[in-house]
């Protein structure tokens, strides 16, 4: 028995030494200059506003005498950089872009400040900040389209026009379908790449308390591995055909808010449709032709919750249609805004 225990101890010791040696080699081999974008907290020259003691990275384009259009980015946890192809609308409208609480270039916040309800409250505050005495129009993409839906359900009188670009889920039923379609089963190649990204994050030269997670979160979704559901967002199932420039994603925002939607049994619980019956203006749904996860078929289930809605499919575009086909996207949105 003593010899057996000694043998086990030697084997465990060898494994530990091997792991330590491998970790040391990986740490050394990934050395380099890795950074994450600074937030307003570390670079106050970044354009920003403050509402109720919360700071948001925000930028506006166009004359503030024109009708106000609020742009709401996806995620949760993304930023608005990938939606800047919408800027040409500023020739006729006052465009407001903002990074949601704790995301993008907005200062990072505690986990307790991330929730769907807080995001909706922030959207209401942003609207009141820029247009306290008049209606606004909304353009929401993905998660941002979910927030836009939730907002008009609560404040139908505050909104003139609404563009919803592939909202992710508006009901529990649709949420469960989304989760089922988005299951990830990474192969060995992907696992090695993830480990390498984690070691790269250890070399970050400009860090805050959430930099490590944000760096990893920004790299992993677009990894090339068989079965990656992200590929089904884009034409030819190739992420290179998408348009997703970012400043900095927020891992904490994404994981916290998505986790809150899951009940103990793993089922999704969400309701962003109660009250939509009170919004009678026409809603424009914009869908990418190539988008499979939450594309045209999925949005057909969403559109039925709106008393007055129309869907336009953008050809040769995936989920990030505004950047993939900007001219056609602008044409569709402008035609809708021009309607009486």
C-alpha atoms as a PDB file:
ATOM      1  CA  UNK A   1       0.000   0.000   0.000  1.00  0.00           C
ATOM      2  CA  UNK A   2       2.855   2.362   0.870  1.00  0.00           C
ATOM      3  CA  UNK A   3       4.398   1.836  -2.565  1.00  0.00           C
ATOM      4  CA  UNK A   4       1.034   2.525  -4.235  1.00  0.00           C
ATOM      5  CA  UNK A   5       0.617   5.807  -2.332  1.00  0.00           C
ATOM      6  CA  UNK A   6       4.154   6.847  -3.192  1.00  0.00           C
ATOM      7  CA  UNK A   7       3.465   6.069  -6.847  1.00  0.00           C
ATOM      8  CA  UNK A   8       0.264   8.134  -6.799  1.00  0.00           C
ATOM      9  CA  UNK A   9       2.088  11.019  -5.121  1.00  0.00           C
ATOM     10  CA  UNK A  10       4.841  10.901  -7.750  1.00  0.00           C
ATOM     11  CA  UNK A  11       2.280  10.817 -10.577  1.00  0.00           C
ATOM     12  CA  UNK A  12       0.335  13.777  -9.131  1.00  0.00           C
ATOM     13  CA  UNK A  13       3.539  15.689  -8.568  1.00  0.00           C
ATOM     14  CA  UNK A  14       4.575  15.079 -12.167  1.00  0.00           C
ATOM     15  CA  UNK A  15       1.207  16.305 -13.452  1.00  0.00           C
ATOM     16  CA  UNK A  16       1.430  19.450 -11.314  1.00  0.00           C
ATOM     17  CA  UNK A  17       4.971  20.151 -12.513  1.00  0.00           C
ATOM     18  CA  UNK A  18       3.874  19.600 -16.121  1.00  0.00           C
ATOM     19  CA  UNK A  19       0.955  21.999 -15.692  1.00  0.00           C
ATOM     20  CA  UNK A  20       3.189  24.607 -14.082  1.00  0.00           C
ATOM     21  CA  UNK A  21       5.744  24.255 -16.850  1.00  0.00           C
ATOM     22  CA  UNK A  22       3.039  24.472 -19.521  1.00  0.00           C
ATOM     23  CA  UNK A  23       1.546  27.550 -17.868  1.00  0.00           C
ATOM     24  CA  UNK A  24       4.943  29.209 -17.649  1.00  0.00           C
ATOM     25  CA  UNK A  25       5.603  28.452 -21.320  1.00  0.00           C
ATOM     26  CA  UNK A  26       2.155  29.743 -22.354  1.00  0.00           C
ATOM     27  CA  UNK A  27       2.593  32.920 -20.315  1.00  0.00           C
ATOM     28  CA  UNK A  28       5.991  33.576 -21.880  1.00  0.00           C
ATOM     29  CA  UNK A  29       4.902  32.709 -25.421  1.00  0.00           C
ATOM     30  CA  UNK A  30       1.928  35.093 -25.269  1.00  0.00           C
ATOM     31  CA  UNK A  31       3.925  38.055 -24.035  1.00  0.00           C
ATOM     32  CA  UNK A  32       3.200  41.264 -25.934  1.00  0.00           C
ATOM     33  CA  UNK A  33       1.534  44.662 -25.744  1.00  0.00           C
ATOM     34  CA  UNK A  34      -2.164  43.982 -25.143  1.00  0.00           C
ATOM     35  CA  UNK A  35      -4.620  46.731 -24.258  1.00  0.00           C
ATOM     36  CA  UNK A  36      -8.289  47.459 -23.745  1.00  0.00           C
ATOM     37  CA  UNK A  37      -9.808  50.814 -24.590  1.00  0.00           C
ATOM     38  CA  UNK A  38      -9.863  53.340 -21.769  1.00  0.00           C
ATOM     39  CA  UNK A  39     -13.242  54.440 -20.461  1.00  0.00           C
ATOM     40  CA  UNK A  40     -14.372  57.936 -19.505  1.00  0.00           C
ATOM     41  CA  UNK A  41     -13.217  57.153 -15.962  1.00  0.00           C
ATOM     42  CA  UNK A  42      -9.587  57.124 -17.138  1.00  0.00           C
ATOM     43  CA  UNK A  43      -9.884  59.487 -20.103  1.00  0.00           C
ATOM     44  CA  UNK A  44     -12.288  62.367 -19.384  1.00  0.00           C
ATOM     45  CA  UNK A  45     -11.690  63.790 -22.877  1.00  0.00           C
ATOM     46  CA  UNK A  46     -14.018  61.094 -24.255  1.00  0.00           C
ATOM     47  CA  UNK A  47     -17.418  62.702 -25.025  1.00  0.00           C
ATOM     48  CA  UNK A  48     -19.814  61.930 -22.188  1.00  0.00           C
ATOM     49  CA  UNK A  49     -22.866  63.008 -20.247  1.00  0.00           C
ATOM     50  CA  UNK A  50     -23.896  62.469 -16.638  1.00  0.00           C
ATOM     51  CA  UNK A  51     -27.422  61.608 -15.569  1.00  0.00           C
ATOM     52  CA  UNK A  52     -28.349  60.867 -11.936  1.00  0.00           C
ATOM     53  CA  UNK A  53     -24.687  60.270 -10.967  1.00  0.00           C
ATOM     54  CA  UNK A  54     -24.179  57.815 -13.838  1.00  0.00           C
ATOM     55  CA  UNK A  55     -21.761  58.646 -16.645  1.00  0.00           C
ATOM     56  CA  UNK A  56     -22.367  57.543 -20.230  1.00  0.00           C
ATOM     57  CA  UNK A  57     -20.094  57.792 -23.237  1.00  0.00           C
ATOM     58  CA  UNK A  58     -22.360  59.683 -25.662  1.00  0.00           C
ATOM     59  CA  UNK A  59     -21.952  61.469 -28.974  1.00  0.00           C
ATOM     60  CA  UNK A  60     -24.425  63.441 -31.064  1.00  0.00           C
ATOM     61  CA  UNK A  61     -24.487  64.325 -34.746  1.00  0.00           C
ATOM     62  CA  UNK A  62     -26.619  66.845 -36.619  1.00  0.00           C
ATOM     63  CA  UNK A  63     -28.527  69.917 -35.514  1.00  0.00           C
ATOM     64  CA  UNK A  64     -30.318  69.723 -32.180  1.00  0.00           C
ATOM     65  CA  UNK A  65     -33.175  71.676 -33.772  1.00  0.00           C
ATOM     66  CA  UNK A  66     -34.031  68.620 -35.885  1.00  0.00           C
ATOM     67  CA  UNK A  67     -36.132  65.651 -34.794  1.00  0.00           C
ATOM     68  CA  UNK A  68     -34.281  63.502 -32.257  1.00  0.00           C
ATOM     69  CA  UNK A  69     -33.323  59.903 -33.083  1.00  0.00           C
ATOM     70  CA  UNK A  70     -31.878  57.732 -30.292  1.00  0.00           C
ATOM     71  CA  UNK A  71     -29.588  54.878 -31.447  1.00  0.00           C
ATOM     72  CA  UNK A  72     -29.556  51.840 -29.118  1.00  0.00           C
ATOM     73  CA  UNK A  73     -26.736  49.337 -29.516  1.00  0.00           C
ATOM     74  CA  UNK A  74     -26.821  45.586 -29.076  1.00  0.00           C
ATOM     75  CA  UNK A  75     -25.405  43.215 -26.508  1.00  0.00           C
ATOM     76  CA  UNK A  76     -25.947  43.272 -23.673  1.00  0.00           C
ATOM     77  CA  UNK A  77     -22.400  44.498 -23.321  1.00  0.00           C
ATOM     78  CA  UNK A  78     -21.604  45.922 -26.767  1.00  0.00           C
ATOM     79  CA  UNK A  79     -20.951  49.555 -27.686  1.00  0.00           C
ATOM     80  CA  UNK A  80     -22.248  51.854 -30.423  1.00  0.00           C
ATOM     81  CA  UNK A  81     -19.165  51.967 -32.642  1.00  0.00           C
ATOM     82  CA  UNK A  82     -20.547  49.388 -35.116  1.00  0.00           C
ATOM     83  CA  UNK A  83     -23.693  51.506 -35.582  1.00  0.00           C
ATOM     84  CA  UNK A  84     -21.853  54.618 -36.765  1.00  0.00           C
ATOM     85  CA  UNK A  85     -22.730  53.810 -40.410  1.00  0.00           C
ATOM     86  CA  UNK A  86     -26.083  55.369 -39.429  1.00  0.00           C
ATOM     87  CA  UNK A  87     -24.410  58.791 -39.202  1.00  0.00           C
ATOM     88  CA  UNK A  88     -25.641  59.964 -42.656  1.00  0.00           C
ATOM     89  CA  UNK A  89     -29.100  60.277 -41.091  1.00  0.00           C
ATOM     90  CA  UNK A  90     -27.700  63.297 -39.227  1.00  0.00           C
ATOM     91  CA  UNK A  91     -28.249  65.371 -42.380  1.00  0.00           C
ATOM     92  CA  UNK A  92     -31.939  65.458 -41.450  1.00  0.00           C
ATOM     93  CA  UNK A  93     -32.053  64.343 -37.791  1.00  0.00           C
ATOM     94  CA  UNK A  94     -30.323  64.944 -34.479  1.00  0.00           C
ATOM     95  CA  UNK A  95     -28.706  61.554 -33.787  1.00  0.00           C
ATOM     96  CA  UNK A  96     -27.839  60.430 -30.271  1.00  0.00           C
ATOM     97  CA  UNK A  97     -25.455  57.508 -29.793  1.00  0.00           C
ATOM     98  CA  UNK A  98     -24.629  56.276 -26.300  1.00  0.00           C
ATOM     99  CA  UNK A  99     -22.777  53.375 -24.720  1.00  0.00           C
ATOM    100  CA  UNK A 100     -25.048  51.746 -22.172  1.00  0.00           C
ATOM    101  CA  UNK A 101     -24.219  51.707 -18.479  1.00  0.00           C
ATOM    102  CA  UNK A 102     -20.896  49.992 -17.813  1.00  0.00           C
ATOM    103  CA  UNK A 103     -20.275  49.104 -21.486  1.00  0.00           C
ATOM    104  CA  UNK A 104     -18.108  50.397 -24.308  1.00  0.00           C
ATOM    105  CA  UNK A 105     -16.318  53.557 -23.217  1.00  0.00           C
ATOM    106  CA  UNK A 106     -18.762  54.255 -20.391  1.00  0.00           C
ATOM    107  CA  UNK A 107     -17.154  53.788 -16.951  1.00  0.00           C
ATOM    108  CA  UNK A 108     -17.415  50.292 -15.525  1.00  0.00           C
ATOM    109  CA  UNK A 109     -19.973  49.785 -12.750  1.00  0.00           C
ATOM    110  CA  UNK A 110     -20.682  47.219 -10.062  1.00  0.00           C
ATOM    111  CA  UNK A 111     -22.572  44.027 -10.888  1.00  0.00           C
ATOM    112  CA  UNK A 112     -25.581  45.341  -8.944  1.00  0.00           C
ATOM    113  CA  UNK A 113     -26.007  48.077 -11.575  1.00  0.00           C
ATOM    114  CA  UNK A 114     -26.599  45.675 -14.460  1.00  0.00           C
ATOM    115  CA  UNK A 115     -30.149  44.584 -15.244  1.00  0.00           C
ATOM    116  CA  UNK A 116     -32.784  44.829 -17.957  1.00  0.00           C
ATOM    117  CA  UNK A 117     -34.839  47.162 -15.767  1.00  0.00           C
ATOM    118  CA  UNK A 118     -31.885  49.506 -15.209  1.00  0.00           C
ATOM    119  CA  UNK A 119     -31.161  49.575 -18.967  1.00  0.00           C
ATOM    120  CA  UNK A 120     -34.775  50.568 -19.638  1.00  0.00           C
ATOM    121  CA  UNK A 121     -34.602  53.270 -16.977  1.00  0.00           C
ATOM    122  CA  UNK A 122     -31.358  54.549 -18.486  1.00  0.00           C
ATOM    123  CA  UNK A 123     -32.963  54.693 -21.931  1.00  0.00           C
ATOM    124  CA  UNK A 124     -35.852  56.706 -20.502  1.00  0.00           C
ATOM    125  CA  UNK A 125     -33.368  59.061 -18.823  1.00  0.00           C
ATOM    126  CA  UNK A 126     -31.370  59.477 -22.048  1.00  0.00           C
ATOM    127  CA  UNK A 127     -34.560  60.374 -23.927  1.00  0.00           C
ATOM    128  CA  UNK A 128     -35.601  62.869 -21.256  1.00  0.00           C
ATOM    129  CA  UNK A 129     -32.094  64.373 -21.276  1.00  0.00           C
ATOM    130  CA  UNK A 130     -32.038  65.064 -25.014  1.00  0.00           C
ATOM    131  CA  UNK A 131     -35.748  65.568 -25.703  1.00  0.00           C
ATOM    132  CA  UNK A 132     -37.579  66.500 -22.490  1.00  0.00           C
ATOM    133  CA  UNK A 133     -40.494  68.196 -24.239  1.00  0.00           C
ATOM    134  CA  UNK A 134     -40.910  66.352 -27.524  1.00  0.00           C
ATOM    135  CA  UNK A 135     -41.226  62.924 -29.075  1.00  0.00           C
ATOM    136  CA  UNK A 136     -38.231  60.961 -30.286  1.00  0.00           C
ATOM    137  CA  UNK A 137     -37.661  58.193 -32.800  1.00  0.00           C
ATOM    138  CA  UNK A 138     -35.724  55.040 -31.904  1.00  0.00           C
ATOM    139  CA  UNK A 139     -33.384  52.773 -33.857  1.00  0.00           C
ATOM    140  CA  UNK A 140     -32.532  49.657 -31.869  1.00  0.00           C
ATOM    141  CA  UNK A 141     -30.317  46.795 -32.989  1.00  0.00           C
ATOM    142  CA  UNK A 142     -30.526  43.270 -31.512  1.00  0.00           C
ATOM    143  CA  UNK A 143     -30.506  43.737 -27.712  1.00  0.00           C
ATOM    144  CA  UNK A 144     -31.037  47.437 -28.400  1.00  0.00           C
ATOM    145  CA  UNK A 145     -34.202  46.553 -30.327  1.00  0.00           C
ATOM    146  CA  UNK A 146     -35.385  44.639 -27.276  1.00  0.00           C
ATOM    147  CA  UNK A 147     -34.883  47.759 -25.147  1.00  0.00           C
ATOM    148  CA  UNK A 148     -36.714  49.873 -27.720  1.00  0.00           C
ATOM    149  CA  UNK A 149     -39.662  47.469 -27.607  1.00  0.00           C
ATOM    150  CA  UNK A 150     -39.729  47.529 -23.828  1.00  0.00           C
ATOM    151  CA  UNK A 151     -39.611  51.319 -23.824  1.00  0.00           C
ATOM    152  CA  UNK A 152     -42.493  51.891 -26.261  1.00  0.00           C
ATOM    153  CA  UNK A 153     -44.536  49.351 -24.303  1.00  0.00           C
ATOM    154  CA  UNK A 154     -44.145  51.592 -21.240  1.00  0.00           C
ATOM    155  CA  UNK A 155     -44.127  55.029 -22.869  1.00  0.00           C
ATOM    156  CA  UNK A 156     -45.995  54.792 -26.185  1.00  0.00           C
ATOM    157  CA  UNK A 157     -46.768  58.510 -26.225  1.00  0.00           C
ATOM    158  CA  UNK A 158     -43.046  59.473 -26.162  1.00  0.00           C
ATOM    159  CA  UNK A 159     -42.071  57.815 -29.438  1.00  0.00           C
ATOM    160  CA  UNK A 160     -42.842  58.795 -33.026  1.00  0.00           C
ATOM    161  CA  UNK A 161     -41.013  56.218 -35.181  1.00  0.00           C
ATOM    162  CA  UNK A 162     -39.363  52.911 -34.212  1.00  0.00           C
ATOM    163  CA  UNK A 163     -36.867  50.824 -36.196  1.00  0.00           C
ATOM    164  CA  UNK A 164     -36.239  47.361 -34.758  1.00  0.00           C
ATOM    165  CA  UNK A 165     -33.283  45.551 -36.325  1.00  0.00           C
ATOM    166  CA  UNK A 166     -33.560  41.875 -35.370  1.00  0.00           C
ATOM    167  CA  UNK A 167     -34.528  42.023 -31.683  1.00  0.00           C
ATOM    168  CA  UNK A 168     -33.208  38.963 -29.876  1.00  0.00           C
ATOM    169  CA  UNK A 169     -36.217  37.963 -27.776  1.00  0.00           C
ATOM    170  CA  UNK A 170     -39.361  39.667 -26.562  1.00  0.00           C
ATOM    171  CA  UNK A 171     -41.112  36.768 -24.808  1.00  0.00           C
ATOM    172  CA  UNK A 172     -40.084  33.734 -22.750  1.00  0.00           C
ATOM    173  CA  UNK A 173     -41.082  31.392 -25.574  1.00  0.00           C
ATOM    174  CA  UNK A 174     -38.901  33.217 -28.076  1.00  0.00           C
ATOM    175  CA  UNK A 175     -36.128  33.403 -25.498  1.00  0.00           C
ATOM    176  CA  UNK A 176     -36.056  29.634 -25.126  1.00  0.00           C
ATOM    177  CA  UNK A 177     -35.862  29.251 -28.909  1.00  0.00           C
ATOM    178  CA  UNK A 178     -32.983  31.702 -29.009  1.00  0.00           C
ATOM    179  CA  UNK A 179     -31.047  29.901 -26.279  1.00  0.00           C
ATOM    180  CA  UNK A 180     -31.586  26.557 -28.008  1.00  0.00           C
ATOM    181  CA  UNK A 181     -30.224  27.968 -31.275  1.00  0.00           C
ATOM    182  CA  UNK A 182     -27.216  29.491 -29.542  1.00  0.00           C
ATOM    183  CA  UNK A 183     -25.742  26.522 -27.733  1.00  0.00           C
ATOM    184  CA  UNK A 184     -21.958  26.361 -28.086  1.00  0.00           C
ATOM    185  CA  UNK A 185     -19.901  23.159 -28.269  1.00  0.00           C
ATOM    186  CA  UNK A 186     -16.300  24.294 -28.848  1.00  0.00           C
ATOM    187  CA  UNK A 187     -13.816  21.821 -30.271  1.00  0.00           C
ATOM    188  CA  UNK A 188     -10.260  21.254 -29.059  1.00  0.00           C
ATOM    189  CA  UNK A 189      -8.909  23.895 -31.431  1.00  0.00           C
ATOM    190  CA  UNK A 190     -11.281  26.479 -29.956  1.00  0.00           C
ATOM    191  CA  UNK A 191     -10.424  25.473 -26.386  1.00  0.00           C
ATOM    192  CA  UNK A 192      -6.716  25.991 -27.060  1.00  0.00           C
ATOM    193  CA  UNK A 193      -7.454  29.387 -28.599  1.00  0.00           C
ATOM    194  CA  UNK A 194      -9.525  30.383 -25.546  1.00  0.00           C
ATOM    195  CA  UNK A 195      -6.688  29.415 -23.198  1.00  0.00           C
ATOM    196  CA  UNK A 196      -4.261  31.446 -25.272  1.00  0.00           C
ATOM    197  CA  UNK A 197      -6.576  34.494 -25.142  1.00  0.00           C
ATOM    198  CA  UNK A 198      -6.783  34.170 -21.352  1.00  0.00           C
ATOM    199  CA  UNK A 199      -2.988  34.177 -21.083  1.00  0.00           C
ATOM    200  CA  UNK A 200      -2.805  37.198 -23.398  1.00  0.00           C
ATOM    201  CA  UNK A 201      -5.131  39.030 -21.010  1.00  0.00           C
ATOM    202  CA  UNK A 202      -2.592  38.499 -18.227  1.00  0.00           C
ATOM    203  CA  UNK A 203      -0.264  40.863 -20.095  1.00  0.00           C
ATOM    204  CA  UNK A 204      -2.691  43.783 -20.331  1.00  0.00           C
ATOM    205  CA  UNK A 205      -0.729  46.988 -19.908  1.00  0.00           C
ATOM    206  CA  UNK A 206      -3.649  49.301 -19.109  1.00  0.00           C
ATOM    207  CA  UNK A 207      -6.073  47.684 -16.735  1.00  0.00           C
ATOM    208  CA  UNK A 208      -9.055  48.415 -14.582  1.00  0.00           C
ATOM    209  CA  UNK A 209     -10.897  45.876 -12.478  1.00  0.00           C
ATOM    210  CA  UNK A 210     -12.914  44.550 -15.441  1.00  0.00           C
ATOM    211  CA  UNK A 211     -10.248  44.726 -18.155  1.00  0.00           C
ATOM    212  CA  UNK A 212      -9.299  41.029 -17.948  1.00  0.00           C
ATOM    213  CA  UNK A 213     -12.842  39.789 -18.557  1.00  0.00           C
ATOM    214  CA  UNK A 214     -13.572  42.432 -21.187  1.00  0.00           C
ATOM    215  CA  UNK A 215     -10.495  41.490 -23.207  1.00  0.00           C
ATOM    216  CA  UNK A 216     -11.428  37.801 -23.248  1.00  0.00           C
ATOM    217  CA  UNK A 217     -15.094  38.550 -23.941  1.00  0.00           C
ATOM    218  CA  UNK A 218     -14.149  40.651 -26.940  1.00  0.00           C
ATOM    219  CA  UNK A 219     -12.023  37.933 -28.538  1.00  0.00           C
ATOM    220  CA  UNK A 220     -13.894  34.665 -27.972  1.00  0.00           C
ATOM    221  CA  UNK A 221     -17.191  35.147 -29.897  1.00  0.00           C
ATOM    222  CA  UNK A 222     -15.491  35.318 -33.298  1.00  0.00           C
ATOM    223  CA  UNK A 223     -13.209  32.321 -32.826  1.00  0.00           C
ATOM    224  CA  UNK A 224     -13.075  30.002 -35.808  1.00  0.00           C
ATOM    225  CA  UNK A 225     -14.380  26.605 -34.719  1.00  0.00           C
ATOM    226  CA  UNK A 226     -16.882  24.155 -36.121  1.00  0.00           C
ATOM    227  CA  UNK A 227     -20.358  24.707 -34.752  1.00  0.00           C
ATOM    228  CA  UNK A 228     -19.787  28.282 -33.587  1.00  0.00           C
ATOM    229  CA  UNK A 229     -23.365  29.662 -33.660  1.00  0.00           C
ATOM    230  CA  UNK A 230     -22.058  33.181 -34.274  1.00  0.00           C
ATOM    231  CA  UNK A 231     -21.307  32.215 -37.870  1.00  0.00           C
ATOM    232  CA  UNK A 232     -25.043  31.847 -38.542  1.00  0.00           C
ATOM    233  CA  UNK A 233     -25.472  35.586 -38.096  1.00  0.00           C
ATOM    234  CA  UNK A 234     -23.564  36.313 -41.317  1.00  0.00           C
ATOM    235  CA  UNK A 235     -23.610  35.677 -45.052  1.00  0.00           C
ATOM    236  CA  UNK A 236     -21.906  32.418 -46.071  1.00  0.00           C
ATOM    237  CA  UNK A 237     -21.726  31.720 -42.318  1.00  0.00           C
ATOM    238  CA  UNK A 238     -18.481  33.697 -42.213  1.00  0.00           C
ATOM    239  CA  UNK A 239     -17.992  36.322 -39.460  1.00  0.00           C
ATOM    240  CA  UNK A 240     -15.631  38.179 -41.808  1.00  0.00           C
ATOM    241  CA  UNK A 241     -18.709  39.178 -43.798  1.00  0.00           C
ATOM    242  CA  UNK A 242     -20.162  40.938 -40.757  1.00  0.00           C
ATOM    243  CA  UNK A 243     -19.483  44.460 -39.539  1.00  0.00           C
ATOM    244  CA  UNK A 244     -18.547  44.543 -35.882  1.00  0.00           C
ATOM    245  CA  UNK A 245     -15.900  47.138 -35.012  1.00  0.00           C
ATOM    246  CA  UNK A 246     -15.936  47.737 -31.270  1.00  0.00           C
ATOM    247  CA  UNK A 247     -14.211  49.882 -28.704  1.00  0.00           C
ATOM    248  CA  UNK A 248     -14.668  47.581 -25.743  1.00  0.00           C
ATOM    249  CA  UNK A 249     -17.246  44.986 -24.772  1.00  0.00           C
ATOM    250  CA  UNK A 250     -18.384  44.400 -21.201  1.00  0.00           C
ATOM    251  CA  UNK A 251     -18.255  40.809 -19.999  1.00  0.00           C
ATOM    252  CA  UNK A 252     -19.927  41.660 -16.688  1.00  0.00           C
ATOM    253  CA  UNK A 253     -22.876  43.395 -18.333  1.00  0.00           C
ATOM    254  CA  UNK A 254     -23.442  40.566 -20.797  1.00  0.00           C
ATOM    255  CA  UNK A 255     -23.172  37.678 -18.356  1.00  0.00           C
ATOM    256  CA  UNK A 256     -25.143  39.385 -15.588  1.00  0.00           C
ATOM    257  CA  UNK A 257     -28.123  40.527 -17.651  1.00  0.00           C
ATOM    258  CA  UNK A 258     -28.364  37.294 -19.633  1.00  0.00           C
ATOM    259  CA  UNK A 259     -28.066  35.285 -16.435  1.00  0.00           C
ATOM    260  CA  UNK A 260     -30.933  37.216 -14.836  1.00  0.00           C
ATOM    261  CA  UNK A 261     -33.252  36.071 -17.639  1.00  0.00           C
ATOM    262  CA  UNK A 262     -32.710  32.401 -16.762  1.00  0.00           C
ATOM    263  CA  UNK A 263     -34.824  30.753 -14.081  1.00  0.00           C
ATOM    264  CA  UNK A 264     -33.497  27.978 -11.841  1.00  0.00           C
ATOM    265  CA  UNK A 265     -34.733  25.337 -14.274  1.00  0.00           C
ATOM    266  CA  UNK A 266     -32.781  26.960 -17.119  1.00  0.00           C
ATOM    267  CA  UNK A 267     -35.862  28.340 -18.844  1.00  0.00           C
ATOM    268  CA  UNK A 268     -35.923  31.948 -20.034  1.00  0.00           C
ATOM    269  CA  UNK A 269     -38.283  34.409 -18.375  1.00  0.00           C
ATOM    270  CA  UNK A 270     -38.754  37.727 -20.159  1.00  0.00           C
ATOM    271  CA  UNK A 271     -41.662  39.984 -21.133  1.00  0.00           C
ATOM    272  CA  UNK A 272     -41.110  42.972 -23.391  1.00  0.00           C
ATOM    273  CA  UNK A 273     -44.525  42.898 -25.081  1.00  0.00           C
ATOM    274  CA  UNK A 274     -46.979  43.814 -22.319  1.00  0.00           C
ATOM    275  CA  UNK A 275     -48.243  47.260 -23.275  1.00  0.00           C
ATOM    276  CA  UNK A 276     -47.217  47.127 -26.940  1.00  0.00           C
ATOM    277  CA  UNK A 277     -50.888  47.101 -27.894  1.00  0.00           C
ATOM    278  CA  UNK A 278     -50.972  50.762 -26.871  1.00  0.00           C
ATOM    279  CA  UNK A 279     -48.382  51.793 -29.457  1.00  0.00           C
ATOM    280  CA  UNK A 280     -50.336  52.398 -32.660  1.00  0.00           C
ATOM    281  CA  UNK A 281     -47.723  54.011 -34.905  1.00  0.00           C
ATOM    282  CA  UNK A 282     -46.133  51.797 -37.521  1.00  0.00           C
ATOM    283  CA  UNK A 283     -42.981  49.935 -36.448  1.00  0.00           C
ATOM    284  CA  UNK A 284     -40.337  49.034 -39.021  1.00  0.00           C
ATOM    285  CA  UNK A 285     -38.580  45.683 -38.648  1.00  0.00           C
ATOM    286  CA  UNK A 286     -35.253  45.463 -40.509  1.00  0.00           C
ATOM    287  CA  UNK A 287     -33.793  41.997 -41.109  1.00  0.00           C
ATOM    288  CA  UNK A 288     -30.621  40.731 -42.778  1.00  0.00           C
ATOM    289  CA  UNK A 289     -31.263  38.214 -45.545  1.00  0.00           C
ATOM    290  CA  UNK A 290     -28.413  35.947 -44.389  1.00  0.00           C
ATOM    291  CA  UNK A 291     -29.208  36.048 -40.674  1.00  0.00           C
ATOM    292  CA  UNK A 292     -30.332  32.583 -39.556  1.00  0.00           C
ATOM    293  CA  UNK A 293     -30.435  32.642 -35.754  1.00  0.00           C
ATOM    294  CA  UNK A 294     -32.851  35.559 -35.320  1.00  0.00           C
ATOM    295  CA  UNK A 295     -33.513  36.438 -38.945  1.00  0.00           C
ATOM    296  CA  UNK A 296     -36.717  36.707 -40.964  1.00  0.00           C
ATOM    297  CA  UNK A 297     -38.417  33.561 -39.673  1.00  0.00           C
ATOM    298  CA  UNK A 298     -37.699  34.452 -36.045  1.00  0.00           C
ATOM    299  CA  UNK A 299     -38.884  38.046 -36.518  1.00  0.00           C
ATOM    300  CA  UNK A 300     -42.183  36.850 -37.998  1.00  0.00           C
ATOM    301  CA  UNK A 301     -43.036  35.709 -34.478  1.00  0.00           C
ATOM    302  CA  UNK A 302     -42.061  39.119 -33.070  1.00  0.00           C
ATOM    303  CA  UNK A 303     -44.005  41.213 -35.525  1.00  0.00           C
ATOM    304  CA  UNK A 304     -47.337  39.718 -34.513  1.00  0.00           C
ATOM    305  CA  UNK A 305     -47.082  41.448 -31.123  1.00  0.00           C
ATOM    306  CA  UNK A 306     -47.277  44.888 -32.753  1.00  0.00           C
ATOM    307  CA  UNK A 307     -50.613  46.370 -33.888  1.00  0.00           C
ATOM    308  CA  UNK A 308     -48.982  48.079 -36.879  1.00  0.00           C
ATOM    309  CA  UNK A 309     -45.677  46.788 -38.251  1.00  0.00           C
ATOM    310  CA  UNK A 310     -43.810  46.178 -41.487  1.00  0.00           C
ATOM    311  CA  UNK A 311     -40.729  44.080 -42.236  1.00  0.00           C
ATOM    312  CA  UNK A 312     -38.021  44.843 -44.789  1.00  0.00           C
ATOM    313  CA  UNK A 313     -35.310  42.304 -45.604  1.00  0.00           C
ATOM    314  CA  UNK A 314     -31.894  43.749 -46.503  1.00  0.00           C
ATOM    315  CA  UNK A 315     -30.406  41.594 -49.259  1.00  0.00           C
ATOM    316  CA  UNK A 316     -26.826  40.318 -49.033  1.00  0.00           C
ATOM    317  CA  UNK A 317     -26.611  41.277 -45.379  1.00  0.00           C
ATOM    318  CA  UNK A 318     -26.456  39.452 -42.084  1.00  0.00           C
ATOM    319  CA  UNK A 319     -27.221  40.519 -38.534  1.00  0.00           C
ATOM    320  CA  UNK A 320     -25.047  43.652 -38.756  1.00  0.00           C
ATOM    321  CA  UNK A 321     -26.918  44.918 -41.790  1.00  0.00           C
ATOM    322  CA  UNK A 322     -26.331  48.636 -41.157  1.00  0.00           C
ATOM    323  CA  UNK A 323     -22.579  48.218 -41.640  1.00  0.00           C
ATOM    324  CA  UNK A 324     -22.763  45.476 -44.255  1.00  0.00           C
ATOM    325  CA  UNK A 325     -25.211  47.286 -46.556  1.00  0.00           C
ATOM    326  CA  UNK A 326     -25.244  50.890 -45.321  1.00  0.00           C
ATOM    327  CA  UNK A 327     -26.684  52.532 -48.441  1.00  0.00           C
ATOM    328  CA  UNK A 328     -29.646  50.152 -48.680  1.00  0.00           C
ATOM    329  CA  UNK A 329     -30.202  50.353 -44.931  1.00  0.00           C
ATOM    330  CA  UNK A 330     -30.260  54.169 -45.046  1.00  0.00           C
ATOM    331  CA  UNK A 331     -32.669  54.064 -47.973  1.00  0.00           C
ATOM    332  CA  UNK A 332     -35.089  51.809 -46.095  1.00  0.00           C
ATOM    333  CA  UNK A 333     -34.936  53.791 -42.847  1.00  0.00           C
ATOM    334  CA  UNK A 334     -35.259  57.166 -44.579  1.00  0.00           C
ATOM    335  CA  UNK A 335     -38.274  55.996 -46.579  1.00  0.00           C
ATOM    336  CA  UNK A 336     -39.948  54.918 -43.319  1.00  0.00           C
ATOM    337  CA  UNK A 337     -39.091  58.182 -41.565  1.00  0.00           C
ATOM    338  CA  UNK A 338     -40.504  60.132 -44.525  1.00  0.00           C
ATOM    339  CA  UNK A 339     -43.911  58.493 -44.151  1.00  0.00           C
ATOM    340  CA  UNK A 340     -46.616  60.613 -42.576  1.00  0.00           C
END
